[in-house]
Amino acid sequence: MQTRFEHEGITWIDMESPTRDEVVRVAAEFDIEPHIAEELLLPASKPRAEFRRNYVYAVLHFPALRHSHKTREQEVDFIVGQNFIITTRYDTVDPLHKFSKVFEVNAVLDKSTIGEHAGYLFLYMLKKLYRAVEHELEYVRHDLKLVEDHVFSGDEVHMVAAISRTSRDLLNLRQTIEPHREVLRDLEEGGVVFWGEGFRPFLRTLSNEYYRVHNHIMRSTEFLHELRETNNSLLTTKQNETMRMLTIMALFTFPLALLVAILGVAARDNPIIGTPHDFWIIVGAVMSVGIAMFVFFKHKKWL
């Protein structure tokens, strides 16, 4: 599927899972090298940025934990020239879809001012995509808040799985955007040559946007690690308390059971069996020993 937008002399071609015929037509119109056009047909495994004579080719992956229609990672390929930009994706990327609606309305009403070249449109798109990553992070933060509430509500056991799921989401966010650092560095260095020195501050702003999102992810990761340590400590304490109570019960029951067994032996020389009130004598002896043990444990502060 291909959509075409035009505004202020800049053309934007947006393609979702393009066919070979669509890619061939676009490549011929904008003088795209064949091997670059071939790469638009299938997802790439590694983000990168390449500078050609009349355009910049960039591949970036973005996490999509909640908004993806197919996978947890979405790829967007950008081909950016002086007066055109081509975006290729293999899934419905919500930030680009929303951006296209706004762009289309502004183009019809002639409200927006894009800039001198298509690099500005590329900049706006990436900012929208990084804002979408922040929205994904907000979902993770919400999960962290729920985990925190349950951890301190005595639900430590069930939180082990919840913390692991949240850790997986944060790891996915981090692994997906980590390679952006090198791509943005290449864009900042080569973009000045391609678009001019006046575009350097805008490229630096884009890098700052990335680092801001990355720092938010790292802070959430640190909070998750602290939360995991707290949950493990509470869980260990609860398990130790359970083991302590079971040990005390064993200390109570074993001597008393042994005493009952000894006093209840049906031996000829047993001084209790056969005497009047022998049952109550045994019960009294067991209770006396039990009370003595309880007082001793209290004195030792084991209870």
C-alpha atoms as a PDB file:
ATOM      1  CA  MET A   1       0.000   0.000   0.000  1.00  0.00           C
ATOM      2  CA  GLN A   2       1.362   3.407  -0.991  1.00  0.00           C
ATOM      3  CA  THR A   3       0.259   6.898   0.040  1.00  0.00           C
ATOM      4  CA  ARG A   4       1.551  10.134  -1.452  1.00  0.00           C
ATOM      5  CA  PHE A   5       1.597  13.558   0.246  1.00  0.00           C
ATOM      6  CA  GLU A   6       2.823  16.857  -1.206  1.00  0.00           C
ATOM      7  CA  HIS A   7       3.227  20.202   0.545  1.00  0.00           C
ATOM      8  CA  GLU A   8       5.429  23.257  -0.057  1.00  0.00           C
ATOM      9  CA  GLY A   9       7.373  21.501  -2.785  1.00  0.00           C
ATOM     10  CA  ILE A  10       8.207  18.467  -0.609  1.00  0.00           C
ATOM     11  CA  THR A  11       6.906  15.002  -1.510  1.00  0.00           C
ATOM     12  CA  TRP A  12       6.362  12.252   1.047  1.00  0.00           C
ATOM     13  CA  ILE A  13       5.827   8.683  -0.150  1.00  0.00           C
ATOM     14  CA  ASP A  14       4.667   6.330   2.611  1.00  0.00           C
ATOM     15  CA  MET A  15       4.668   2.611   1.790  1.00  0.00           C
ATOM     16  CA  GLU A  16       3.447  -0.261   3.967  1.00  0.00           C
ATOM     17  CA  SER A  17       4.686  -3.724   2.948  1.00  0.00           C
ATOM     18  CA  PRO A  18       5.296  -2.503  -0.631  1.00  0.00           C
ATOM     19  CA  THR A  19       5.201  -4.726  -3.665  1.00  0.00           C
ATOM     20  CA  ARG A  20       8.115  -4.958  -6.070  1.00  0.00           C
ATOM     21  CA  ASP A  21       6.241  -2.910  -8.697  1.00  0.00           C
ATOM     22  CA  GLU A  22       5.633  -0.090  -6.183  1.00  0.00           C
ATOM     23  CA  VAL A  23       9.280  -0.024  -5.158  1.00  0.00           C
ATOM     24  CA  VAL A  24      10.486  -0.055  -8.774  1.00  0.00           C
ATOM     25  CA  ARG A  25       8.240   2.899  -9.699  1.00  0.00           C
ATOM     26  CA  VAL A  26       9.334   4.962  -6.680  1.00  0.00           C
ATOM     27  CA  ALA A  27      13.007   4.115  -7.245  1.00  0.00           C
ATOM     28  CA  ALA A  28      12.777   5.223 -10.877  1.00  0.00           C
ATOM     29  CA  GLU A  29      11.016   8.484  -9.958  1.00  0.00           C
ATOM     30  CA  PHE A  30      13.529   9.527  -7.284  1.00  0.00           C
ATOM     31  CA  ASP A  31      16.687   7.933  -8.739  1.00  0.00           C
ATOM     32  CA  ILE A  32      17.142   5.356  -5.953  1.00  0.00           C
ATOM     33  CA  GLU A  33      19.943   2.861  -6.450  1.00  0.00           C
ATOM     34  CA  PRO A  34      18.718  -0.686  -7.222  1.00  0.00           C
ATOM     35  CA  HIS A  35      20.339  -2.363  -4.217  1.00  0.00           C
ATOM     36  CA  ILE A  36      18.771   0.221  -1.867  1.00  0.00           C
ATOM     37  CA  ALA A  37      15.384  -0.261  -3.533  1.00  0.00           C
ATOM     38  CA  GLU A  38      15.757  -4.020  -3.090  1.00  0.00           C
ATOM     39  CA  GLU A  39      16.218  -3.574   0.651  1.00  0.00           C
ATOM     40  CA  LEU A  40      12.843  -1.835   0.919  1.00  0.00           C
ATOM     41  CA  LEU A  41      11.057  -5.087   0.075  1.00  0.00           C
ATOM     42  CA  LEU A  42      12.064  -6.952   3.249  1.00  0.00           C
ATOM     43  CA  PRO A  43      12.848  -5.907   6.851  1.00  0.00           C
ATOM     44  CA  ALA A  44      16.492  -5.312   7.712  1.00  0.00           C
ATOM     45  CA  SER A  45      18.148  -6.895  10.723  1.00  0.00           C
ATOM     46  CA  LYS A  46      20.416  -3.999  11.685  1.00  0.00           C
ATOM     47  CA  PRO A  47      19.778  -0.232  11.979  1.00  0.00           C
ATOM     48  CA  ARG A  48      22.157   1.932   9.977  1.00  0.00           C
ATOM     49  CA  ALA A  49      22.533   5.183   8.042  1.00  0.00           C
ATOM     50  CA  GLU A  50      24.095   5.556   4.586  1.00  0.00           C
ATOM     51  CA  PHE A  51      24.739   8.738   2.614  1.00  0.00           C
ATOM     52  CA  ARG A  52      24.367   8.705  -1.158  1.00  0.00           C
ATOM     53  CA  ARG A  53      24.795  11.423  -3.756  1.00  0.00           C
ATOM     54  CA  ASN A  54      21.194  12.680  -3.661  1.00  0.00           C
ATOM     55  CA  TYR A  55      19.635  11.068  -0.586  1.00  0.00           C
ATOM     56  CA  VAL A  56      20.194   9.596   2.880  1.00  0.00           C
ATOM     57  CA  TYR A  57      19.135   6.032   3.599  1.00  0.00           C
ATOM     58  CA  ALA A  58      18.409   5.210   7.258  1.00  0.00           C
ATOM     59  CA  VAL A  59      16.970   2.115   8.926  1.00  0.00           C
ATOM     60  CA  LEU A  60      15.642   2.325  12.493  1.00  0.00           C
ATOM     61  CA  HIS A  61      13.704  -0.069  14.717  1.00  0.00           C
ATOM     62  CA  PHE A  62      11.224   1.092  17.338  1.00  0.00           C
ATOM     63  CA  PRO A  63       9.707  -0.886  20.219  1.00  0.00           C
ATOM     64  CA  ALA A  64       5.971  -1.510  20.098  1.00  0.00           C
ATOM     65  CA  LEU A  65       4.951  -3.322  23.273  1.00  0.00           C
ATOM     66  CA  ARG A  66       1.312  -2.198  23.273  1.00  0.00           C
ATOM     67  CA  HIS A  67       0.635  -0.628  19.883  1.00  0.00           C
ATOM     68  CA  SER A  68       2.063  -3.219  17.506  1.00  0.00           C
ATOM     69  CA  HIS A  69      -0.315  -5.128  15.280  1.00  0.00           C
ATOM     70  CA  LYS A  70       2.161  -7.938  14.554  1.00  0.00           C
ATOM     71  CA  THR A  71       5.449  -7.831  16.458  1.00  0.00           C
ATOM     72  CA  ARG A  72       7.076  -6.202  19.496  1.00  0.00           C
ATOM     73  CA  GLU A  73       9.512  -4.334  17.245  1.00  0.00           C
ATOM     74  CA  GLN A  74       8.672  -2.202  14.206  1.00  0.00           C
ATOM     75  CA  GLU A  75      11.052  -1.160  11.448  1.00  0.00           C
ATOM     76  CA  VAL A  76      10.895   2.077   9.492  1.00  0.00           C
ATOM     77  CA  ASP A  77      13.149   2.697   6.483  1.00  0.00           C
ATOM     78  CA  PHE A  78      13.770   6.331   5.510  1.00  0.00           C
ATOM     79  CA  ILE A  79      15.073   7.649   2.185  1.00  0.00           C
ATOM     80  CA  VAL A  80      15.472  11.393   2.566  1.00  0.00           C
ATOM     81  CA  GLY A  81      16.489  13.740  -0.221  1.00  0.00           C
ATOM     82  CA  GLN A  82      16.417  17.513  -0.525  1.00  0.00           C
ATOM     83  CA  ASN A  83      12.776  17.712  -1.564  1.00  0.00           C
ATOM     84  CA  PHE A  84      11.415  14.212  -0.946  1.00  0.00           C
ATOM     85  CA  ILE A  85      11.162  11.596   1.774  1.00  0.00           C
ATOM     86  CA  ILE A  86      10.210   7.948   1.394  1.00  0.00           C
ATOM     87  CA  THR A  87       9.160   5.861   4.400  1.00  0.00           C
ATOM     88  CA  THR A  88       8.773   2.107   4.221  1.00  0.00           C
ATOM     89  CA  ARG A  89       7.297  -0.005   7.013  1.00  0.00           C
ATOM     90  CA  TYR A  90       6.024  -3.557   7.380  1.00  0.00           C
ATOM     91  CA  ASP A  91       3.355  -2.957   9.999  1.00  0.00           C
ATOM     92  CA  THR A  92       0.935  -0.180  10.918  1.00  0.00           C
ATOM     93  CA  VAL A  93       3.149   2.256  12.806  1.00  0.00           C
ATOM     94  CA  ASP A  94       0.708   4.348  14.837  1.00  0.00           C
ATOM     95  CA  PRO A  95       2.923   7.478  15.262  1.00  0.00           C
ATOM     96  CA  LEU A  96       3.487   7.709  11.490  1.00  0.00           C
ATOM     97  CA  HIS A  97      -0.190   7.086  10.814  1.00  0.00           C
ATOM     98  CA  LYS A  98      -1.186   9.921  13.151  1.00  0.00           C
ATOM     99  CA  PHE A  99       1.533  12.146  11.722  1.00  0.00           C
ATOM    100  CA  SER A 100       0.233  11.557   8.183  1.00  0.00           C
ATOM    101  CA  LYS A 101      -3.273  12.654   9.211  1.00  0.00           C
ATOM    102  CA  VAL A 102      -1.955  15.885  10.728  1.00  0.00           C
ATOM    103  CA  PHE A 103       0.332  16.480   7.763  1.00  0.00           C
ATOM    104  CA  GLU A 104      -2.501  15.912   5.300  1.00  0.00           C
ATOM    105  CA  VAL A 105      -4.829  18.322   7.111  1.00  0.00           C
ATOM    106  CA  ASN A 106      -2.144  21.000   7.405  1.00  0.00           C
ATOM    107  CA  ALA A 107      -1.287  20.567   3.733  1.00  0.00           C
ATOM    108  CA  VAL A 108      -4.932  21.059   2.727  1.00  0.00           C
ATOM    109  CA  LEU A 109      -5.338  24.082   4.989  1.00  0.00           C
ATOM    110  CA  ASP A 110      -1.816  25.331   4.165  1.00  0.00           C
ATOM    111  CA  LYS A 111      -1.119  25.866   7.868  1.00  0.00           C
ATOM    112  CA  SER A 112       2.227  24.148   8.454  1.00  0.00           C
ATOM    113  CA  THR A 113       5.670  25.354   7.472  1.00  0.00           C
ATOM    114  CA  ILE A 114       7.882  22.331   6.901  1.00  0.00           C
ATOM    115  CA  GLY A 115      11.213  23.985   6.325  1.00  0.00           C
ATOM    116  CA  GLU A 116      13.720  24.461   3.558  1.00  0.00           C
ATOM    117  CA  HIS A 117      14.198  20.774   2.759  1.00  0.00           C
ATOM    118  CA  ALA A 118      12.862  17.296   3.570  1.00  0.00           C
ATOM    119  CA  GLY A 119      15.352  16.895   6.420  1.00  0.00           C
ATOM    120  CA  TYR A 120      12.999  18.894   8.621  1.00  0.00           C
ATOM    121  CA  LEU A 121      10.136  16.517   7.846  1.00  0.00           C
ATOM    122  CA  PHE A 122      12.452  13.620   8.721  1.00  0.00           C
ATOM    123  CA  LEU A 123      13.248  15.367  12.003  1.00  0.00           C
ATOM    124  CA  TYR A 124       9.561  15.809  12.873  1.00  0.00           C
ATOM    125  CA  MET A 125       8.843  12.156  12.126  1.00  0.00           C
ATOM    126  CA  LEU A 126      11.623  10.887  14.367  1.00  0.00           C
ATOM    127  CA  LYS A 127      10.489  13.147  17.197  1.00  0.00           C
ATOM    128  CA  LYS A 128       6.992  11.668  16.929  1.00  0.00           C
ATOM    129  CA  LEU A 129       8.434   8.160  16.964  1.00  0.00           C
ATOM    130  CA  TYR A 130      10.513   8.898  20.076  1.00  0.00           C
ATOM    131  CA  ARG A 131       7.443  10.361  21.775  1.00  0.00           C
ATOM    132  CA  ALA A 132       5.691   7.075  21.014  1.00  0.00           C
ATOM    133  CA  VAL A 133       8.549   5.216  22.722  1.00  0.00           C
ATOM    134  CA  GLU A 134       7.910   7.409  25.765  1.00  0.00           C
ATOM    135  CA  HIS A 135       4.261   6.355  25.679  1.00  0.00           C
ATOM    136  CA  GLU A 136       5.355   2.726  25.640  1.00  0.00           C
ATOM    137  CA  LEU A 137       7.550   3.488  28.642  1.00  0.00           C
ATOM    138  CA  GLU A 138       4.564   5.013  30.446  1.00  0.00           C
ATOM    139  CA  TYR A 139       2.802   1.647  30.244  1.00  0.00           C
ATOM    140  CA  VAL A 140       5.856  -0.015  31.783  1.00  0.00           C
ATOM    141  CA  ARG A 141       5.959   2.597  34.544  1.00  0.00           C
ATOM    142  CA  HIS A 142       2.299   1.930  35.257  1.00  0.00           C
ATOM    143  CA  ASP A 143       3.090  -1.769  35.600  1.00  0.00           C
ATOM    144  CA  LEU A 144       5.978  -0.908  37.931  1.00  0.00           C
ATOM    145  CA  LYS A 145       3.635   1.131  40.119  1.00  0.00           C
ATOM    146  CA  LEU A 146       1.201  -1.786  40.353  1.00  0.00           C
ATOM    147  CA  VAL A 147       4.059  -4.143  41.220  1.00  0.00           C
ATOM    148  CA  GLU A 148       5.270  -1.759  43.916  1.00  0.00           C
ATOM    149  CA  ASP A 149       1.796  -1.589  45.479  1.00  0.00           C
ATOM    150  CA  HIS A 150       1.445  -5.379  45.517  1.00  0.00           C
ATOM    151  CA  VAL A 151       4.965  -5.945  46.849  1.00  0.00           C
ATOM    152  CA  PHE A 152       4.187  -3.966  49.981  1.00  0.00           C
ATOM    153  CA  SER A 153       0.737  -5.555  50.301  1.00  0.00           C
ATOM    154  CA  GLY A 154       2.115  -9.001  51.135  1.00  0.00           C
ATOM    155  CA  ASP A 155       1.832 -10.438  47.612  1.00  0.00           C
ATOM    156  CA  GLU A 156       5.543 -11.045  47.089  1.00  0.00           C
ATOM    157  CA  VAL A 157       5.191 -14.545  45.616  1.00  0.00           C
ATOM    158  CA  HIS A 158       2.948 -13.514  42.717  1.00  0.00           C
ATOM    159  CA  MET A 159       5.098 -10.452  42.035  1.00  0.00           C
ATOM    160  CA  VAL A 160       8.078 -12.587  40.974  1.00  0.00           C
ATOM    161  CA  ALA A 161       6.389 -13.330  37.622  1.00  0.00           C
ATOM    162  CA  ALA A 162       5.098  -9.740  37.280  1.00  0.00           C
ATOM    163  CA  ILE A 163       8.569  -8.304  37.837  1.00  0.00           C
ATOM    164  CA  SER A 164      10.001 -10.708  35.257  1.00  0.00           C
ATOM    165  CA  ARG A 165       7.426  -9.600  32.661  1.00  0.00           C
ATOM    166  CA  THR A 166       8.162  -5.930  33.310  1.00  0.00           C
ATOM    167  CA  SER A 167      11.895  -6.629  33.129  1.00  0.00           C
ATOM    168  CA  ARG A 168      11.370  -8.246  29.723  1.00  0.00           C
ATOM    169  CA  ASP A 169       9.509  -5.140  28.486  1.00  0.00           C
ATOM    170  CA  LEU A 170      12.246  -2.785  29.685  1.00  0.00           C
ATOM    171  CA  LEU A 171      14.906  -5.003  28.155  1.00  0.00           C
ATOM    172  CA  ASN A 172      13.029  -4.954  24.851  1.00  0.00           C
ATOM    173  CA  LEU A 173      12.814  -1.140  24.952  1.00  0.00           C
ATOM    174  CA  ARG A 174      16.500  -0.803  25.702  1.00  0.00           C
ATOM    175  CA  GLN A 175      17.739  -3.355  23.170  1.00  0.00           C
ATOM    176  CA  THR A 176      15.604  -1.829  20.419  1.00  0.00           C
ATOM    177  CA  ILE A 177      16.751   1.778  20.770  1.00  0.00           C
ATOM    178  CA  GLU A 178      20.365   1.190  21.850  1.00  0.00           C
ATOM    179  CA  PRO A 179      21.593   0.939  18.210  1.00  0.00           C
ATOM    180  CA  HIS A 180      20.036   4.360  17.496  1.00  0.00           C
ATOM    181  CA  ARG A 181      23.035   6.015  19.169  1.00  0.00           C
ATOM    182  CA  GLU A 182      25.417   5.080  16.350  1.00  0.00           C
ATOM    183  CA  VAL A 183      22.871   5.852  13.633  1.00  0.00           C
ATOM    184  CA  LEU A 184      22.149   9.306  15.065  1.00  0.00           C
ATOM    185  CA  ARG A 185      25.860   9.985  15.414  1.00  0.00           C
ATOM    186  CA  ASP A 186      26.341   9.148  11.728  1.00  0.00           C
ATOM    187  CA  LEU A 187      23.367  11.325  10.812  1.00  0.00           C
ATOM    188  CA  GLU A 188      24.724  14.232  12.838  1.00  0.00           C
ATOM    189  CA  GLU A 189      28.131  14.013  11.200  1.00  0.00           C
ATOM    190  CA  GLY A 190      27.016  13.346   7.639  1.00  0.00           C
ATOM    191  CA  GLY A 191      23.820  15.382   7.787  1.00  0.00           C
ATOM    192  CA  VAL A 192      25.755  18.620   8.140  1.00  0.00           C
ATOM    193  CA  VAL A 193      27.499  17.900   4.834  1.00  0.00           C
ATOM    194  CA  PHE A 194      24.284  16.794   3.120  1.00  0.00           C
ATOM    195  CA  TRP A 195      21.841  19.453   4.415  1.00  0.00           C
ATOM    196  CA  GLY A 196      24.210  22.237   5.413  1.00  0.00           C
ATOM    197  CA  GLU A 197      25.748  23.658   8.577  1.00  0.00           C
ATOM    198  CA  GLY A 198      22.503  25.392   9.525  1.00  0.00           C
ATOM    199  CA  PHE A 199      20.856  22.024  10.115  1.00  0.00           C
ATOM    200  CA  ARG A 200      23.402  20.935  12.770  1.00  0.00           C
ATOM    201  CA  PRO A 201      21.409  22.277  15.779  1.00  0.00           C
ATOM    202  CA  PHE A 202      18.326  20.375  14.625  1.00  0.00           C
ATOM    203  CA  LEU A 203      20.279  17.135  14.308  1.00  0.00           C
ATOM    204  CA  ARG A 204      21.714  17.708  17.766  1.00  0.00           C
ATOM    205  CA  THR A 205      18.175  18.254  19.077  1.00  0.00           C
ATOM    206  CA  LEU A 206      17.233  14.867  17.646  1.00  0.00           C
ATOM    207  CA  SER A 207      20.153  13.229  19.471  1.00  0.00           C
ATOM    208  CA  ASN A 208      19.073  14.949  22.680  1.00  0.00           C
ATOM    209  CA  GLU A 209      15.565  13.548  22.185  1.00  0.00           C
ATOM    210  CA  TYR A 210      17.025  10.048  21.944  1.00  0.00           C
ATOM    211  CA  TYR A 211      19.198  10.447  25.036  1.00  0.00           C
ATOM    212  CA  ARG A 212      16.247  11.781  27.011  1.00  0.00           C
ATOM    213  CA  VAL A 213      14.189   8.695  26.179  1.00  0.00           C
ATOM    214  CA  HIS A 214      17.174   6.421  26.816  1.00  0.00           C
ATOM    215  CA  ASN A 215      17.781   7.996  30.233  1.00  0.00           C
ATOM    216  CA  HIS A 216      14.128   7.487  31.183  1.00  0.00           C
ATOM    217  CA  ILE A 217      14.444   3.809  30.295  1.00  0.00           C
ATOM    218  CA  MET A 218      17.627   3.459  32.335  1.00  0.00           C
ATOM    219  CA  ARG A 219      16.047   5.103  35.382  1.00  0.00           C
ATOM    220  CA  SER A 220      13.048   2.782  35.130  1.00  0.00           C
ATOM    221  CA  THR A 221      15.453  -0.156  34.847  1.00  0.00           C
ATOM    222  CA  GLU A 222      17.275   0.921  38.004  1.00  0.00           C
ATOM    223  CA  PHE A 223      13.965   1.269  39.827  1.00  0.00           C
ATOM    224  CA  LEU A 224      12.982  -2.218  38.672  1.00  0.00           C
ATOM    225  CA  HIS A 225      16.253  -3.659  40.014  1.00  0.00           C
ATOM    226  CA  GLU A 226      15.646  -2.017  43.394  1.00  0.00           C
ATOM    227  CA  LEU A 227      12.080  -3.291  43.398  1.00  0.00           C
ATOM    228  CA  ARG A 228      13.257  -6.810  42.582  1.00  0.00           C
ATOM    229  CA  GLU A 229      15.786  -6.698  45.435  1.00  0.00           C
ATOM    230  CA  THR A 230      13.101  -5.457  47.828  1.00  0.00           C
ATOM    231  CA  ASN A 231      10.673  -8.161  46.740  1.00  0.00           C
ATOM    232  CA  ASN A 232      13.349 -10.849  47.097  1.00  0.00           C
ATOM    233  CA  SER A 233      14.238  -9.564  50.571  1.00  0.00           C
ATOM    234  CA  LEU A 234      10.606  -9.578  51.694  1.00  0.00           C
ATOM    235  CA  LEU A 235      10.098 -13.022  50.177  1.00  0.00           C
ATOM    236  CA  THR A 236      13.209 -14.375  51.911  1.00  0.00           C
ATOM    237  CA  THR A 237      12.122 -12.857  55.217  1.00  0.00           C
ATOM    238  CA  LYS A 238       8.684 -14.424  54.902  1.00  0.00           C
ATOM    239  CA  GLN A 239      10.197 -17.806  54.061  1.00  0.00           C
ATOM    240  CA  ASN A 240      12.612 -17.551  56.982  1.00  0.00           C
ATOM    241  CA  GLU A 241       9.737 -16.687  59.311  1.00  0.00           C
ATOM    242  CA  THR A 242       7.792 -19.704  58.090  1.00  0.00           C
ATOM    243  CA  MET A 243      10.795 -21.973  58.594  1.00  0.00           C
ATOM    244  CA  ARG A 244      11.318 -20.535  62.081  1.00  0.00           C
ATOM    245  CA  MET A 245       7.738 -21.286  63.080  1.00  0.00           C
ATOM    246  CA  LEU A 246       7.940 -24.806  61.684  1.00  0.00           C
ATOM    247  CA  THR A 247      11.188 -25.392  63.572  1.00  0.00           C
ATOM    248  CA  ILE A 248       9.647 -24.157  66.830  1.00  0.00           C
ATOM    249  CA  MET A 249       6.626 -26.408  66.295  1.00  0.00           C
ATOM    250  CA  ALA A 250       8.985 -29.332  65.761  1.00  0.00           C
ATOM    251  CA  LEU A 251      10.854 -28.440  68.971  1.00  0.00           C
ATOM    252  CA  PHE A 252       7.538 -28.403  70.827  1.00  0.00           C
ATOM    253  CA  THR A 253       6.002 -31.553  69.418  1.00  0.00           C
ATOM    254  CA  PHE A 254       8.991 -33.901  69.352  1.00  0.00           C
ATOM    255  CA  PRO A 255       9.865 -33.786  73.128  1.00  0.00           C
ATOM    256  CA  LEU A 256       6.194 -33.912  74.103  1.00  0.00           C
ATOM    257  CA  ALA A 257       5.516 -36.834  71.779  1.00  0.00           C
ATOM    258  CA  LEU A 258       8.573 -38.617  73.188  1.00  0.00           C
ATOM    259  CA  LEU A 259       7.353 -37.962  76.750  1.00  0.00           C
ATOM    260  CA  VAL A 260       3.893 -39.317  75.955  1.00  0.00           C
ATOM    261  CA  ALA A 261       5.421 -42.382  74.327  1.00  0.00           C
ATOM    262  CA  ILE A 262       7.610 -43.059  77.359  1.00  0.00           C
ATOM    263  CA  LEU A 263       4.866 -42.533  79.949  1.00  0.00           C
ATOM    264  CA  GLY A 264       2.445 -44.607  77.942  1.00  0.00           C
ATOM    265  CA  VAL A 265       4.668 -47.689  77.607  1.00  0.00           C
ATOM    266  CA  ALA A 266       2.723 -50.702  78.858  1.00  0.00           C
ATOM    267  CA  ALA A 267       5.687 -52.073  80.803  1.00  0.00           C
ATOM    268  CA  ARG A 268       5.417 -54.031  84.066  1.00  0.00           C
ATOM    269  CA  ASP A 269       7.570 -51.524  85.958  1.00  0.00           C
ATOM    270  CA  ASN A 270       5.805 -48.392  84.566  1.00  0.00           C
ATOM    271  CA  PRO A 271       4.946 -46.414  87.744  1.00  0.00           C
ATOM    272  CA  ILE A 272       2.009 -44.574  86.124  1.00  0.00           C
ATOM    273  CA  ILE A 273       0.121 -47.104  84.049  1.00  0.00           C
ATOM    274  CA  GLY A 274      -2.508 -48.801  86.207  1.00  0.00           C
ATOM    275  CA  THR A 275      -2.543 -46.213  88.972  1.00  0.00           C
ATOM    276  CA  PRO A 276      -5.659 -44.162  89.710  1.00  0.00           C
ATOM    277  CA  HIS A 277      -6.047 -41.196  87.328  1.00  0.00           C
ATOM    278  CA  ASP A 278      -3.050 -42.347  85.234  1.00  0.00           C
ATOM    279  CA  PHE A 279      -4.447 -40.620  82.112  1.00  0.00           C
ATOM    280  CA  TRP A 280      -4.699 -37.249  83.830  1.00  0.00           C
ATOM    281  CA  ILE A 281      -1.250 -37.682  85.307  1.00  0.00           C
ATOM    282  CA  ILE A 282       0.195 -38.121  81.822  1.00  0.00           C
ATOM    283  CA  VAL A 283      -1.782 -35.131  80.508  1.00  0.00           C
ATOM    284  CA  GLY A 284      -0.594 -32.966  83.402  1.00  0.00           C
ATOM    285  CA  ALA A 285       3.032 -34.010  82.892  1.00  0.00           C
ATOM    286  CA  VAL A 286       2.844 -33.189  79.174  1.00  0.00           C
ATOM    287  CA  MET A 287       1.220 -29.814  79.858  1.00  0.00           C
ATOM    288  CA  SER A 288       3.786 -28.968  82.524  1.00  0.00           C
ATOM    289  CA  VAL A 289       6.678 -29.770  80.219  1.00  0.00           C
ATOM    290  CA  GLY A 290       4.990 -27.829  77.379  1.00  0.00           C
ATOM    291  CA  ILE A 291       4.541 -24.746  79.595  1.00  0.00           C
ATOM    292  CA  ALA A 292       8.137 -24.988  80.783  1.00  0.00           C
ATOM    293  CA  MET A 293       9.359 -25.148  77.188  1.00  0.00           C
ATOM    294  CA  PHE A 294       7.184 -22.155  76.247  1.00  0.00           C
ATOM    295  CA  VAL A 295       8.599 -20.071  79.118  1.00  0.00           C
ATOM    296  CA  PHE A 296      12.135 -21.087  78.147  1.00  0.00           C
ATOM    297  CA  PHE A 297      11.603 -20.116  74.470  1.00  0.00           C
ATOM    298  CA  LYS A 298      10.121 -16.796  75.542  1.00  0.00           C
ATOM    299  CA  HIS A 299      13.113 -16.161  77.774  1.00  0.00           C
ATOM    300  CA  LYS A 300      15.449 -16.870  74.855  1.00  0.00           C
ATOM    301  CA  LYS A 301      13.272 -14.612  72.621  1.00  0.00           C
ATOM    302  CA  TRP A 302      12.718 -17.379  70.111  1.00  0.00           C
ATOM    303  CA  LEU A 303       9.014 -16.604  70.100  1.00  0.00           C
END
